[in-house]
Amino acid sequence: MSHLTTLAMALLMGLGGMAFGLPAHAGELLQGVQARGAVRCGVSSGVPGFSALNAQGRWQGLDVDVCRAVAAAVLGRADAVAFTPLTSQQRFAALQARQIDVLSRNTTWTLTRDAGLNAHFTGITYYDGQGVMVHRRFGVKSARELQGAEICVQSGTTNEKNLSSYLAREGIRAKIIVYDNFEAAYKAFFSGRCQAFSTDVSALVSLKTSQSNNPEAYTVLPEVFSKEPLGPAVPRGDDAWFAVVKWVVFAMIEAEELGVGQNNLETQLQSQNPAIKRLLGQSEDLGKPLGLPKDWVVQVLRQVGNYGEVFDRNLGQGSPLKLQRGMNALWTQGGLMYAPPLR
């Protein structure tokens, strides 16, 4: 064997060792979070069920719990999160400038946002779709009956474009009234400035429940005319951080599928089920390739819970919204929630 061949083989073996035999190095963002001792999380300025301040001034919601889960995995403390409320216009600028580490703000994953705004979406935490809400006194039973109506919507969102496309496609002559921020748009609707309001169906239900003195006076029409896969995003250019946020979400979904959660964690730590032992770091070390502690999933479940528990308390039957799981049920229960194998 020639000297050059030997050298080439050594290099290949070295590269192979680097690629497959060693743990991933912590990226700049992961190192920054660990040094800072807090995850900087961009959230909405108030969408109950996803991210909003409660009566005690504490942030709560599904998007909020995603950030808390990341903090639990990375720092061992779910409360080590600095929340920044952002408007639709501010959110991607804040992410691009790295003023936040994670954008978890009921944000739809689209091609132009993913590829054109320097963002990496890490997965889907809620499958949604856009709809329309009206006051019952108008007697409207279908969005196709909105001829001549004035419809409020927020600018700078997928909602504005989706609504325009839907009206044109269905030949509905309605007037779209655009507002710069979400709060102004829905307040205009509830004050009677518009006959209808359009946004994601989950947000419509949230608003009807939380912002109206008489929720039964409003109805969400049956038509759903868009795909709105919502999920967290991180800045591009840091694969280590991207992997951490992505797999934290997947771990919460996998834990629900395996029947492991906040309520039974201590018992499940004694389980002999190989999949559960692997997930909880009782056998394999799933933290090593992510640059996380071996018990990172345990911390997420102990302090935040699995996906089903998070859904239930924020959006489902344990919340004022009482939303059905629907598409957000596990794939084993007829839904779309599915995690790649954690192994």
C-alpha atoms as a PDB file:
ATOM      1  CA  MET A   1       0.000   0.000   0.000  1.00  0.00           C
ATOM      2  CA  SER A   2       1.454   3.374  -1.002  1.00  0.00           C
ATOM      3  CA  HIS A   3       2.119   6.171   1.424  1.00  0.00           C
ATOM      4  CA  LEU A   4      -0.550   8.287  -0.295  1.00  0.00           C
ATOM      5  CA  THR A   5      -3.126   5.500  -0.054  1.00  0.00           C
ATOM      6  CA  THR A   6      -2.348   5.008   3.619  1.00  0.00           C
ATOM      7  CA  LEU A   7      -2.672   8.752   4.220  1.00  0.00           C
ATOM      8  CA  ALA A   8      -5.957   8.904   2.322  1.00  0.00           C
ATOM      9  CA  MET A   9      -7.390   6.029   4.350  1.00  0.00           C
ATOM     10  CA  ALA A  10      -6.273   7.629   7.577  1.00  0.00           C
ATOM     11  CA  LEU A  11      -7.955  10.868   6.597  1.00  0.00           C
ATOM     12  CA  LEU A  12     -11.159   9.056   5.696  1.00  0.00           C
ATOM     13  CA  MET A  13     -11.123   7.160   8.976  1.00  0.00           C
ATOM     14  CA  GLY A  14     -10.493  10.402  10.805  1.00  0.00           C
ATOM     15  CA  LEU A  15     -13.362  12.105   9.033  1.00  0.00           C
ATOM     16  CA  GLY A  16     -15.559   9.139   9.756  1.00  0.00           C
ATOM     17  CA  GLY A  17     -14.667   9.344  13.402  1.00  0.00           C
ATOM     18  CA  MET A  18     -15.484  12.998  13.436  1.00  0.00           C
ATOM     19  CA  ALA A  19     -18.793  12.439  11.716  1.00  0.00           C
ATOM     20  CA  PHE A  20     -19.976   9.352  13.537  1.00  0.00           C
ATOM     21  CA  GLY A  21     -17.896   8.661  16.607  1.00  0.00           C
ATOM     22  CA  LEU A  22     -17.881  11.930  18.511  1.00  0.00           C
ATOM     23  CA  PRO A  23     -20.662  14.017  20.061  1.00  0.00           C
ATOM     24  CA  ALA A  24     -21.794  17.129  18.238  1.00  0.00           C
ATOM     25  CA  HIS A  25     -20.103  20.315  19.324  1.00  0.00           C
ATOM     26  CA  ALA A  26     -22.283  22.934  20.971  1.00  0.00           C
ATOM     27  CA  GLY A  27     -23.173  25.720  18.562  1.00  0.00           C
ATOM     28  CA  GLU A  28     -22.947  29.419  19.192  1.00  0.00           C
ATOM     29  CA  LEU A  29     -26.611  29.776  20.180  1.00  0.00           C
ATOM     30  CA  LEU A  30     -26.557  26.777  22.510  1.00  0.00           C
ATOM     31  CA  GLN A  31     -23.395  28.071  24.155  1.00  0.00           C
ATOM     32  CA  GLY A  32     -24.943  31.531  24.440  1.00  0.00           C
ATOM     33  CA  VAL A  33     -28.074  30.171  26.127  1.00  0.00           C
ATOM     34  CA  GLN A  34     -25.991  28.131  28.556  1.00  0.00           C
ATOM     35  CA  ALA A  35     -23.741  31.096  29.371  1.00  0.00           C
ATOM     36  CA  ARG A  36     -26.712  33.446  29.752  1.00  0.00           C
ATOM     37  CA  GLY A  37     -28.705  31.002  31.816  1.00  0.00           C
ATOM     38  CA  ALA A  38     -31.928  31.766  29.960  1.00  0.00           C
ATOM     39  CA  VAL A  39     -33.702  31.026  26.674  1.00  0.00           C
ATOM     40  CA  ARG A  40     -34.916  34.175  24.906  1.00  0.00           C
ATOM     41  CA  CYS A  41     -38.331  33.328  23.520  1.00  0.00           C
ATOM     42  CA  GLY A  42     -40.391  35.456  21.138  1.00  0.00           C
ATOM     43  CA  VAL A  43     -44.145  35.075  21.718  1.00  0.00           C
ATOM     44  CA  SER A  44     -47.343  36.834  20.663  1.00  0.00           C
ATOM     45  CA  SER A  45     -48.683  39.877  22.457  1.00  0.00           C
ATOM     46  CA  GLY A  46     -51.681  37.847  23.554  1.00  0.00           C
ATOM     47  CA  VAL A  47     -53.406  34.816  21.998  1.00  0.00           C
ATOM     48  CA  PRO A  48     -54.964  32.767  24.827  1.00  0.00           C
ATOM     49  CA  GLY A  49     -54.086  29.112  24.543  1.00  0.00           C
ATOM     50  CA  PHE A  50     -50.824  29.839  22.729  1.00  0.00           C
ATOM     51  CA  SER A  51     -49.090  32.728  24.495  1.00  0.00           C
ATOM     52  CA  ALA A  52     -50.728  35.251  26.809  1.00  0.00           C
ATOM     53  CA  LEU A  53     -50.318  36.676  30.280  1.00  0.00           C
ATOM     54  CA  ASN A  54     -52.671  35.227  32.884  1.00  0.00           C
ATOM     55  CA  ALA A  55     -54.248  37.146  35.771  1.00  0.00           C
ATOM     56  CA  GLN A  56     -51.064  36.703  37.812  1.00  0.00           C
ATOM     57  CA  GLY A  57     -48.904  38.200  35.068  1.00  0.00           C
ATOM     58  CA  ARG A  58     -47.370  34.846  34.120  1.00  0.00           C
ATOM     59  CA  TRP A  59     -46.989  33.768  30.497  1.00  0.00           C
ATOM     60  CA  GLN A  60     -48.927  30.645  29.605  1.00  0.00           C
ATOM     61  CA  GLY A  61     -49.949  28.725  26.498  1.00  0.00           C
ATOM     62  CA  LEU A  62     -48.749  25.972  24.188  1.00  0.00           C
ATOM     63  CA  ASP A  63     -46.098  28.175  22.555  1.00  0.00           C
ATOM     64  CA  VAL A  64     -44.916  29.291  25.978  1.00  0.00           C
ATOM     65  CA  ASP A  65     -44.592  25.701  27.180  1.00  0.00           C
ATOM     66  CA  VAL A  66     -42.472  24.825  24.145  1.00  0.00           C
ATOM     67  CA  CYS A  67     -39.934  27.429  25.243  1.00  0.00           C
ATOM     68  CA  ARG A  68     -40.120  26.238  28.835  1.00  0.00           C
ATOM     69  CA  ALA A  69     -39.475  22.688  27.642  1.00  0.00           C
ATOM     70  CA  VAL A  70     -36.372  23.860  25.762  1.00  0.00           C
ATOM     71  CA  ALA A  71     -35.145  25.634  28.898  1.00  0.00           C
ATOM     72  CA  ALA A  72     -35.765  22.509  30.987  1.00  0.00           C
ATOM     73  CA  ALA A  73     -33.757  20.403  28.527  1.00  0.00           C
ATOM     74  CA  VAL A  74     -30.855  22.819  28.111  1.00  0.00           C
ATOM     75  CA  LEU A  75     -30.639  24.471  31.526  1.00  0.00           C
ATOM     76  CA  GLY A  76     -32.530  22.085  33.793  1.00  0.00           C
ATOM     77  CA  ARG A  77     -34.982  24.862  34.713  1.00  0.00           C
ATOM     78  CA  ALA A  78     -38.232  25.398  32.842  1.00  0.00           C
ATOM     79  CA  ASP A  79     -38.596  28.884  34.310  1.00  0.00           C
ATOM     80  CA  ALA A  80     -35.276  30.046  32.815  1.00  0.00           C
ATOM     81  CA  VAL A  81     -37.004  31.838  29.923  1.00  0.00           C
ATOM     82  CA  ALA A  82     -37.049  35.521  28.996  1.00  0.00           C
ATOM     83  CA  PHE A  83     -40.261  36.166  27.047  1.00  0.00           C
ATOM     84  CA  THR A  84     -40.483  38.932  24.449  1.00  0.00           C
ATOM     85  CA  PRO A  85     -43.931  39.776  23.045  1.00  0.00           C
ATOM     86  CA  LEU A  86     -43.695  40.491  19.314  1.00  0.00           C
ATOM     87  CA  THR A  87     -46.126  41.693  16.659  1.00  0.00           C
ATOM     88  CA  SER A  88     -46.405  39.890  13.335  1.00  0.00           C
ATOM     89  CA  GLN A  89     -44.246  42.583  11.732  1.00  0.00           C
ATOM     90  CA  GLN A  90     -41.547  42.342  14.415  1.00  0.00           C
ATOM     91  CA  ARG A  91     -41.185  38.587  14.823  1.00  0.00           C
ATOM     92  CA  PHE A  92     -38.879  37.627  11.951  1.00  0.00           C
ATOM     93  CA  ALA A  93     -36.745  40.762  12.275  1.00  0.00           C
ATOM     94  CA  ALA A  94     -36.128  39.844  15.916  1.00  0.00           C
ATOM     95  CA  LEU A  95     -35.183  36.308  14.906  1.00  0.00           C
ATOM     96  CA  GLN A  96     -32.862  37.459  12.115  1.00  0.00           C
ATOM     97  CA  ALA A  97     -31.129  39.902  14.463  1.00  0.00           C
ATOM     98  CA  ARG A  98     -30.781  37.092  17.040  1.00  0.00           C
ATOM     99  CA  GLN A  99     -32.556  39.153  19.641  1.00  0.00           C
ATOM    100  CA  ILE A 100     -34.407  35.933  20.452  1.00  0.00           C
ATOM    101  CA  ASP A 101     -33.250  32.315  20.422  1.00  0.00           C
ATOM    102  CA  VAL A 102     -36.624  30.793  19.546  1.00  0.00           C
ATOM    103  CA  LEU A 103     -39.702  32.232  17.865  1.00  0.00           C
ATOM    104  CA  SER A 104     -42.659  30.349  19.355  1.00  0.00           C
ATOM    105  CA  ARG A 105     -45.542  32.546  18.338  1.00  0.00           C
ATOM    106  CA  ASN A 106     -48.450  30.768  16.545  1.00  0.00           C
ATOM    107  CA  THR A 107     -46.509  31.237  13.320  1.00  0.00           C
ATOM    108  CA  THR A 108     -47.285  29.383  10.094  1.00  0.00           C
ATOM    109  CA  TRP A 109     -44.472  27.445   8.419  1.00  0.00           C
ATOM    110  CA  THR A 110     -44.261  28.541   4.778  1.00  0.00           C
ATOM    111  CA  LEU A 111     -41.622  28.283   2.065  1.00  0.00           C
ATOM    112  CA  THR A 112     -40.911  32.008   1.882  1.00  0.00           C
ATOM    113  CA  ARG A 113     -40.567  32.303   5.631  1.00  0.00           C
ATOM    114  CA  ASP A 114     -38.377  29.243   5.949  1.00  0.00           C
ATOM    115  CA  ALA A 115     -36.139  29.899   2.937  1.00  0.00           C
ATOM    116  CA  GLY A 116     -36.422  33.664   2.551  1.00  0.00           C
ATOM    117  CA  LEU A 117     -36.396  35.043   6.098  1.00  0.00           C
ATOM    118  CA  ASN A 118     -33.336  33.236   7.450  1.00  0.00           C
ATOM    119  CA  ALA A 119     -35.493  31.049   9.711  1.00  0.00           C
ATOM    120  CA  HIS A 120     -35.440  27.330  10.375  1.00  0.00           C
ATOM    121  CA  PHE A 121     -38.814  25.886  11.432  1.00  0.00           C
ATOM    122  CA  THR A 122     -38.150  23.033  13.816  1.00  0.00           C
ATOM    123  CA  GLY A 123     -41.426  21.150  13.508  1.00  0.00           C
ATOM    124  CA  ILE A 124     -45.192  21.490  13.832  1.00  0.00           C
ATOM    125  CA  THR A 125     -46.747  21.919  17.257  1.00  0.00           C
ATOM    126  CA  TYR A 126     -50.283  22.697  16.075  1.00  0.00           C
ATOM    127  CA  TYR A 127     -52.080  21.924  12.816  1.00  0.00           C
ATOM    128  CA  ASP A 128     -54.523  24.747  12.150  1.00  0.00           C
ATOM    129  CA  GLY A 129     -56.487  26.319   9.327  1.00  0.00           C
ATOM    130  CA  GLN A 130     -58.044  29.702   8.658  1.00  0.00           C
ATOM    131  CA  GLY A 131     -61.718  30.435   9.121  1.00  0.00           C
ATOM    132  CA  VAL A 132     -64.196  33.229   9.706  1.00  0.00           C
ATOM    133  CA  MET A 133     -66.195  34.298  12.781  1.00  0.00           C
ATOM    134  CA  VAL A 134     -69.436  36.299  12.610  1.00  0.00           C
ATOM    135  CA  HIS A 135     -72.072  37.616  14.986  1.00  0.00           C
ATOM    136  CA  ARG A 136     -75.042  35.252  15.175  1.00  0.00           C
ATOM    137  CA  ARG A 137     -77.500  38.106  14.686  1.00  0.00           C
ATOM    138  CA  PHE A 138     -76.585  38.245  10.993  1.00  0.00           C
ATOM    139  CA  GLY A 139     -77.915  34.714  10.486  1.00  0.00           C
ATOM    140  CA  VAL A 140     -74.907  33.701   8.355  1.00  0.00           C
ATOM    141  CA  LYS A 141     -74.348  29.935   8.248  1.00  0.00           C
ATOM    142  CA  SER A 142     -71.552  29.773   5.649  1.00  0.00           C
ATOM    143  CA  ALA A 143     -68.626  31.903   4.524  1.00  0.00           C
ATOM    144  CA  ARG A 144     -70.197  31.814   1.067  1.00  0.00           C
ATOM    145  CA  GLU A 145     -72.963  34.038   2.445  1.00  0.00           C
ATOM    146  CA  LEU A 146     -70.590  36.947   3.150  1.00  0.00           C
ATOM    147  CA  GLN A 147     -71.475  38.895   0.000  1.00  0.00           C
ATOM    148  CA  GLY A 148     -71.079  42.613   0.758  1.00  0.00           C
ATOM    149  CA  ALA A 149     -69.664  42.027   4.238  1.00  0.00           C
ATOM    150  CA  GLU A 150     -66.763  43.900   5.776  1.00  0.00           C
ATOM    151  CA  ILE A 151     -64.177  41.460   7.119  1.00  0.00           C
ATOM    152  CA  CYS A 152     -61.457  42.490   9.562  1.00  0.00           C
ATOM    153  CA  VAL A 153     -58.027  40.879   9.278  1.00  0.00           C
ATOM    154  CA  GLN A 154     -54.494  41.579  10.448  1.00  0.00           C
ATOM    155  CA  SER A 155     -51.961  42.807   7.914  1.00  0.00           C
ATOM    156  CA  GLY A 156     -48.566  41.189   7.336  1.00  0.00           C
ATOM    157  CA  THR A 157     -49.852  37.677   7.962  1.00  0.00           C
ATOM    158  CA  THR A 158     -50.742  34.627   5.902  1.00  0.00           C
ATOM    159  CA  ASN A 159     -54.342  35.339   6.964  1.00  0.00           C
ATOM    160  CA  GLU A 160     -54.614  38.449   4.807  1.00  0.00           C
ATOM    161  CA  LYS A 161     -53.456  36.654   1.640  1.00  0.00           C
ATOM    162  CA  ASN A 162     -55.483  33.526   2.347  1.00  0.00           C
ATOM    163  CA  LEU A 163     -58.679  35.507   2.831  1.00  0.00           C
ATOM    164  CA  SER A 164     -58.167  37.492  -0.360  1.00  0.00           C
ATOM    165  CA  SER A 165     -57.514  34.291  -2.330  1.00  0.00           C
ATOM    166  CA  TYR A 166     -60.550  32.536  -0.844  1.00  0.00           C
ATOM    167  CA  LEU A 167     -62.935  35.391  -1.620  1.00  0.00           C
ATOM    168  CA  ALA A 168     -61.660  35.626  -5.193  1.00  0.00           C
ATOM    169  CA  ARG A 169     -61.871  31.869  -5.720  1.00  0.00           C
ATOM    170  CA  GLU A 170     -65.434  31.682  -4.431  1.00  0.00           C
ATOM    171  CA  GLY A 171     -66.567  34.860  -6.185  1.00  0.00           C
ATOM    172  CA  ILE A 172     -67.496  36.536  -2.901  1.00  0.00           C
ATOM    173  CA  ARG A 173     -67.581  40.323  -3.144  1.00  0.00           C
ATOM    174  CA  ALA A 174     -66.599  41.394   0.348  1.00  0.00           C
ATOM    175  CA  LYS A 175     -64.462  44.235   1.665  1.00  0.00           C
ATOM    176  CA  ILE A 176     -61.303  43.365   3.569  1.00  0.00           C
ATOM    177  CA  ILE A 177     -60.439  45.869   6.290  1.00  0.00           C
ATOM    178  CA  VAL A 178     -56.803  45.563   7.350  1.00  0.00           C
ATOM    179  CA  TYR A 179     -55.360  46.424  10.761  1.00  0.00           C
ATOM    180  CA  ASP A 180     -51.690  46.645  11.676  1.00  0.00           C
ATOM    181  CA  ASN A 181     -51.905  44.432  14.754  1.00  0.00           C
ATOM    182  CA  PHE A 182     -53.958  41.507  15.967  1.00  0.00           C
ATOM    183  CA  GLU A 183     -55.549  43.266  18.931  1.00  0.00           C
ATOM    184  CA  ALA A 184     -56.780  46.188  16.828  1.00  0.00           C
ATOM    185  CA  ALA A 185     -58.275  43.778  14.278  1.00  0.00           C
ATOM    186  CA  TYR A 186     -60.308  41.676  16.689  1.00  0.00           C
ATOM    187  CA  LYS A 187     -61.376  44.682  18.773  1.00  0.00           C
ATOM    188  CA  ALA A 188     -62.722  46.306  15.617  1.00  0.00           C
ATOM    189  CA  PHE A 189     -64.795  43.182  15.014  1.00  0.00           C
ATOM    190  CA  PHE A 190     -66.170  42.947  18.544  1.00  0.00           C
ATOM    191  CA  SER A 191     -67.029  46.666  18.497  1.00  0.00           C
ATOM    192  CA  GLY A 192     -69.097  46.176  15.338  1.00  0.00           C
ATOM    193  CA  ARG A 193     -66.748  47.858  12.851  1.00  0.00           C
ATOM    194  CA  CYS A 194     -66.800  44.664  10.744  1.00  0.00           C
ATOM    195  CA  GLN A 195     -69.410  41.976  10.282  1.00  0.00           C
ATOM    196  CA  ALA A 196     -66.759  39.244  10.256  1.00  0.00           C
ATOM    197  CA  PHE A 197     -63.235  38.503  11.444  1.00  0.00           C
ATOM    198  CA  SER A 198     -60.807  36.048   9.878  1.00  0.00           C
ATOM    199  CA  THR A 199     -57.785  34.302  11.359  1.00  0.00           C
ATOM    200  CA  ASP A 200     -56.763  30.778  12.366  1.00  0.00           C
ATOM    201  CA  VAL A 201     -59.687  28.754  13.724  1.00  0.00           C
ATOM    202  CA  SER A 202     -57.931  28.119  17.044  1.00  0.00           C
ATOM    203  CA  ALA A 203     -57.483  31.861  17.542  1.00  0.00           C
ATOM    204  CA  LEU A 204     -61.134  32.506  16.647  1.00  0.00           C
ATOM    205  CA  VAL A 205     -62.262  30.076  19.341  1.00  0.00           C
ATOM    206  CA  SER A 206     -59.776  31.619  21.757  1.00  0.00           C
ATOM    207  CA  LEU A 207     -61.036  35.138  21.087  1.00  0.00           C
ATOM    208  CA  LYS A 208     -64.684  34.173  21.317  1.00  0.00           C
ATOM    209  CA  THR A 209     -64.028  32.629  24.717  1.00  0.00           C
ATOM    210  CA  SER A 210     -61.651  35.200  26.179  1.00  0.00           C
ATOM    211  CA  GLN A 211     -62.559  38.557  24.625  1.00  0.00           C
ATOM    212  CA  SER A 212     -66.345  38.480  24.465  1.00  0.00           C
ATOM    213  CA  ASN A 213     -68.778  39.012  27.323  1.00  0.00           C
ATOM    214  CA  ASN A 214     -71.206  36.722  25.496  1.00  0.00           C
ATOM    215  CA  PRO A 215     -69.373  33.939  23.598  1.00  0.00           C
ATOM    216  CA  GLU A 216     -72.652  32.398  22.446  1.00  0.00           C
ATOM    217  CA  ALA A 217     -73.388  35.555  20.440  1.00  0.00           C
ATOM    218  CA  TYR A 218     -70.663  34.589  17.955  1.00  0.00           C
ATOM    219  CA  THR A 219     -70.166  31.616  15.681  1.00  0.00           C
ATOM    220  CA  VAL A 220     -67.192  30.253  13.782  1.00  0.00           C
ATOM    221  CA  LEU A 221     -68.316  29.316  10.270  1.00  0.00           C
ATOM    222  CA  PRO A 222     -67.634  25.754   9.061  1.00  0.00           C
ATOM    223  CA  GLU A 223     -65.332  26.569   6.138  1.00  0.00           C
ATOM    224  CA  VAL A 224     -61.597  26.101   6.713  1.00  0.00           C
ATOM    225  CA  PHE A 225     -59.764  27.433   3.660  1.00  0.00           C
ATOM    226  CA  SER A 226     -56.052  27.161   4.339  1.00  0.00           C
ATOM    227  CA  LYS A 227     -53.330  24.977   5.824  1.00  0.00           C
ATOM    228  CA  GLU A 228     -51.702  26.625   8.838  1.00  0.00           C
ATOM    229  CA  PRO A 229     -48.984  24.382  10.299  1.00  0.00           C
ATOM    230  CA  LEU A 230     -47.800  26.303  13.350  1.00  0.00           C
ATOM    231  CA  GLY A 231     -44.461  25.737  15.024  1.00  0.00           C
ATOM    232  CA  PRO A 232     -41.310  27.246  16.530  1.00  0.00           C
ATOM    233  CA  ALA A 233     -38.493  28.659  14.425  1.00  0.00           C
ATOM    234  CA  VAL A 234     -34.822  29.348  15.147  1.00  0.00           C
ATOM    235  CA  PRO A 235     -32.216  31.421  13.283  1.00  0.00           C
ATOM    236  CA  ARG A 236     -30.417  29.710  10.417  1.00  0.00           C
ATOM    237  CA  GLY A 237     -26.731  28.968  10.690  1.00  0.00           C
ATOM    238  CA  ASP A 238     -26.616  26.999  13.946  1.00  0.00           C
ATOM    239  CA  ASP A 239     -27.366  23.331  13.363  1.00  0.00           C
ATOM    240  CA  ALA A 240     -26.709  22.376  16.981  1.00  0.00           C
ATOM    241  CA  TRP A 241     -29.398  24.737  18.296  1.00  0.00           C
ATOM    242  CA  PHE A 242     -31.767  23.738  15.514  1.00  0.00           C
ATOM    243  CA  ALA A 243     -31.372  20.088  16.525  1.00  0.00           C
ATOM    244  CA  VAL A 244     -31.979  20.816  20.219  1.00  0.00           C
ATOM    245  CA  VAL A 245     -35.260  22.695  19.725  1.00  0.00           C
ATOM    246  CA  LYS A 246     -36.458  20.176  17.129  1.00  0.00           C
ATOM    247  CA  TRP A 247     -35.834  17.125  19.288  1.00  0.00           C
ATOM    248  CA  VAL A 248     -37.300  18.675  22.430  1.00  0.00           C
ATOM    249  CA  VAL A 249     -40.633  18.955  20.597  1.00  0.00           C
ATOM    250  CA  PHE A 250     -40.290  15.427  19.200  1.00  0.00           C
ATOM    251  CA  ALA A 251     -39.499  14.064  22.661  1.00  0.00           C
ATOM    252  CA  MET A 252     -42.727  15.540  24.054  1.00  0.00           C
ATOM    253  CA  ILE A 253     -44.727  13.865  21.268  1.00  0.00           C
ATOM    254  CA  GLU A 254     -42.896  10.545  21.675  1.00  0.00           C
ATOM    255  CA  ALA A 255     -43.479  10.628  25.425  1.00  0.00           C
ATOM    256  CA  GLU A 256     -47.230  10.955  24.945  1.00  0.00           C
ATOM    257  CA  GLU A 257     -47.212   8.046  22.494  1.00  0.00           C
ATOM    258  CA  LEU A 258     -45.351   5.895  25.043  1.00  0.00           C
ATOM    259  CA  GLY A 259     -47.717   6.942  27.831  1.00  0.00           C
ATOM    260  CA  VAL A 260     -45.060   8.776  29.826  1.00  0.00           C
ATOM    261  CA  GLY A 261     -45.865  12.188  31.286  1.00  0.00           C
ATOM    262  CA  GLN A 262     -45.680  14.561  34.180  1.00  0.00           C
ATOM    263  CA  ASN A 263     -48.340  12.641  36.105  1.00  0.00           C
ATOM    264  CA  ASN A 264     -46.640   9.235  36.050  1.00  0.00           C
ATOM    265  CA  LEU A 265     -42.983  10.041  35.446  1.00  0.00           C
ATOM    266  CA  GLU A 266     -41.611   8.706  38.720  1.00  0.00           C
ATOM    267  CA  THR A 267     -43.312   5.371  38.131  1.00  0.00           C
ATOM    268  CA  GLN A 268     -42.188   5.198  34.504  1.00  0.00           C
ATOM    269  CA  LEU A 269     -38.580   5.764  35.550  1.00  0.00           C
ATOM    270  CA  GLN A 270     -38.768   2.192  36.880  1.00  0.00           C
ATOM    271  CA  SER A 271     -40.191   0.822  33.608  1.00  0.00           C
ATOM    272  CA  GLN A 272     -38.419  -2.051  31.880  1.00  0.00           C
ATOM    273  CA  ASN A 273     -39.886  -1.102  28.489  1.00  0.00           C
ATOM    274  CA  PRO A 274     -36.782  -0.611  26.267  1.00  0.00           C
ATOM    275  CA  ALA A 275     -38.335   2.386  24.427  1.00  0.00           C
ATOM    276  CA  ILE A 276     -39.210   4.135  27.687  1.00  0.00           C
ATOM    277  CA  LYS A 277     -35.804   3.393  29.208  1.00  0.00           C
ATOM    278  CA  ARG A 278     -34.130   4.841  26.110  1.00  0.00           C
ATOM    279  CA  LEU A 279     -36.345   7.957  26.107  1.00  0.00           C
ATOM    280  CA  LEU A 280     -35.706   8.670  29.786  1.00  0.00           C
ATOM    281  CA  GLY A 281     -31.968   8.120  29.574  1.00  0.00           C
ATOM    282  CA  GLN A 282     -32.092   4.937  31.645  1.00  0.00           C
ATOM    283  CA  SER A 283     -30.205   2.984  28.989  1.00  0.00           C
ATOM    284  CA  GLU A 284     -28.885   4.925  26.000  1.00  0.00           C
ATOM    285  CA  ASP A 285     -27.670   8.525  26.283  1.00  0.00           C
ATOM    286  CA  LEU A 286     -29.825  10.550  23.869  1.00  0.00           C
ATOM    287  CA  GLY A 287     -28.376  13.773  25.236  1.00  0.00           C
ATOM    288  CA  LYS A 288     -24.830  13.174  24.028  1.00  0.00           C
ATOM    289  CA  PRO A 289     -25.356  13.922  20.305  1.00  0.00           C
ATOM    290  CA  LEU A 290     -27.311  17.077  21.241  1.00  0.00           C
ATOM    291  CA  GLY A 291     -24.801  18.365  23.775  1.00  0.00           C
ATOM    292  CA  LEU A 292     -27.398  17.942  26.547  1.00  0.00           C
ATOM    293  CA  PRO A 293     -27.420  16.081  29.869  1.00  0.00           C
ATOM    294  CA  LYS A 294     -28.468  12.437  29.825  1.00  0.00           C
ATOM    295  CA  ASP A 295     -31.687  13.232  31.747  1.00  0.00           C
ATOM    296  CA  TRP A 296     -32.866  16.079  29.480  1.00  0.00           C
ATOM    297  CA  VAL A 297     -36.135  14.346  28.581  1.00  0.00           C
ATOM    298  CA  VAL A 298     -36.806  13.633  32.255  1.00  0.00           C
ATOM    299  CA  GLN A 299     -36.441  17.345  33.017  1.00  0.00           C
ATOM    300  CA  VAL A 300     -38.817  18.282  30.190  1.00  0.00           C
ATOM    301  CA  LEU A 301     -41.488  15.846  31.351  1.00  0.00           C
ATOM    302  CA  ARG A 302     -41.089  16.552  35.054  1.00  0.00           C
ATOM    303  CA  GLN A 303     -41.265  20.325  34.686  1.00  0.00           C
ATOM    304  CA  VAL A 304     -43.496  20.802  31.612  1.00  0.00           C
ATOM    305  CA  GLY A 305     -45.117  17.529  30.540  1.00  0.00           C
ATOM    306  CA  ASN A 306     -45.661  15.599  27.332  1.00  0.00           C
ATOM    307  CA  TYR A 307     -47.409  17.028  24.278  1.00  0.00           C
ATOM    308  CA  GLY A 308     -50.845  15.750  25.272  1.00  0.00           C
ATOM    309  CA  GLU A 309     -50.598  17.260  28.753  1.00  0.00           C
ATOM    310  CA  VAL A 310     -49.468  20.607  27.317  1.00  0.00           C
ATOM    311  CA  PHE A 311     -52.295  20.579  24.763  1.00  0.00           C
ATOM    312  CA  ASP A 312     -54.933  19.674  27.320  1.00  0.00           C
ATOM    313  CA  ARG A 313     -54.151  22.377  29.860  1.00  0.00           C
ATOM    314  CA  ASN A 314     -53.726  25.149  27.299  1.00  0.00           C
ATOM    315  CA  LEU A 315     -56.163  24.328  24.505  1.00  0.00           C
ATOM    316  CA  GLY A 316     -58.041  21.158  25.310  1.00  0.00           C
ATOM    317  CA  GLN A 317     -60.502  19.905  27.880  1.00  0.00           C
ATOM    318  CA  GLY A 318     -58.477  21.238  30.811  1.00  0.00           C
ATOM    319  CA  SER A 319     -58.642  24.778  29.412  1.00  0.00           C
ATOM    320  CA  PRO A 320     -61.465  27.299  28.856  1.00  0.00           C
ATOM    321  CA  LEU A 321     -61.179  26.733  25.087  1.00  0.00           C
ATOM    322  CA  LYS A 322     -62.166  23.041  25.156  1.00  0.00           C
ATOM    323  CA  LEU A 323     -60.695  22.417  21.696  1.00  0.00           C
ATOM    324  CA  GLN A 324     -60.791  18.866  20.338  1.00  0.00           C
ATOM    325  CA  ARG A 325     -57.466  17.303  19.392  1.00  0.00           C
ATOM    326  CA  GLY A 326     -58.597  16.676  15.800  1.00  0.00           C
ATOM    327  CA  MET A 327     -55.574  16.718  13.495  1.00  0.00           C
ATOM    328  CA  ASN A 328     -53.402  17.336  16.551  1.00  0.00           C
ATOM    329  CA  ALA A 329     -54.090  13.875  17.941  1.00  0.00           C
ATOM    330  CA  LEU A 330     -51.335  11.299  17.778  1.00  0.00           C
ATOM    331  CA  TRP A 331     -50.987   9.351  14.549  1.00  0.00           C
ATOM    332  CA  THR A 332     -52.021   6.239  16.483  1.00  0.00           C
ATOM    333  CA  GLN A 333     -55.331   7.965  17.266  1.00  0.00           C
ATOM    334  CA  GLY A 334     -56.159   9.240  13.788  1.00  0.00           C
ATOM    335  CA  GLY A 335     -54.228  12.518  13.973  1.00  0.00           C
ATOM    336  CA  LEU A 336     -51.059  13.924  12.430  1.00  0.00           C
ATOM    337  CA  MET A 337     -48.779  14.175  15.444  1.00  0.00           C
ATOM    338  CA  TYR A 338     -45.788  11.948  14.779  1.00  0.00           C
ATOM    339  CA  ALA A 339     -42.212  11.979  16.041  1.00  0.00           C
ATOM    340  CA  PRO A 340     -39.252  10.414  14.240  1.00  0.00           C
ATOM    341  CA  PRO A 341     -37.715   7.581  16.253  1.00  0.00           C
ATOM    342  CA  LEU A 342     -35.774   8.730  19.294  1.00  0.00           C
ATOM    343  CA  ARG A 343     -32.942   6.226  19.133  1.00  0.00           C
END
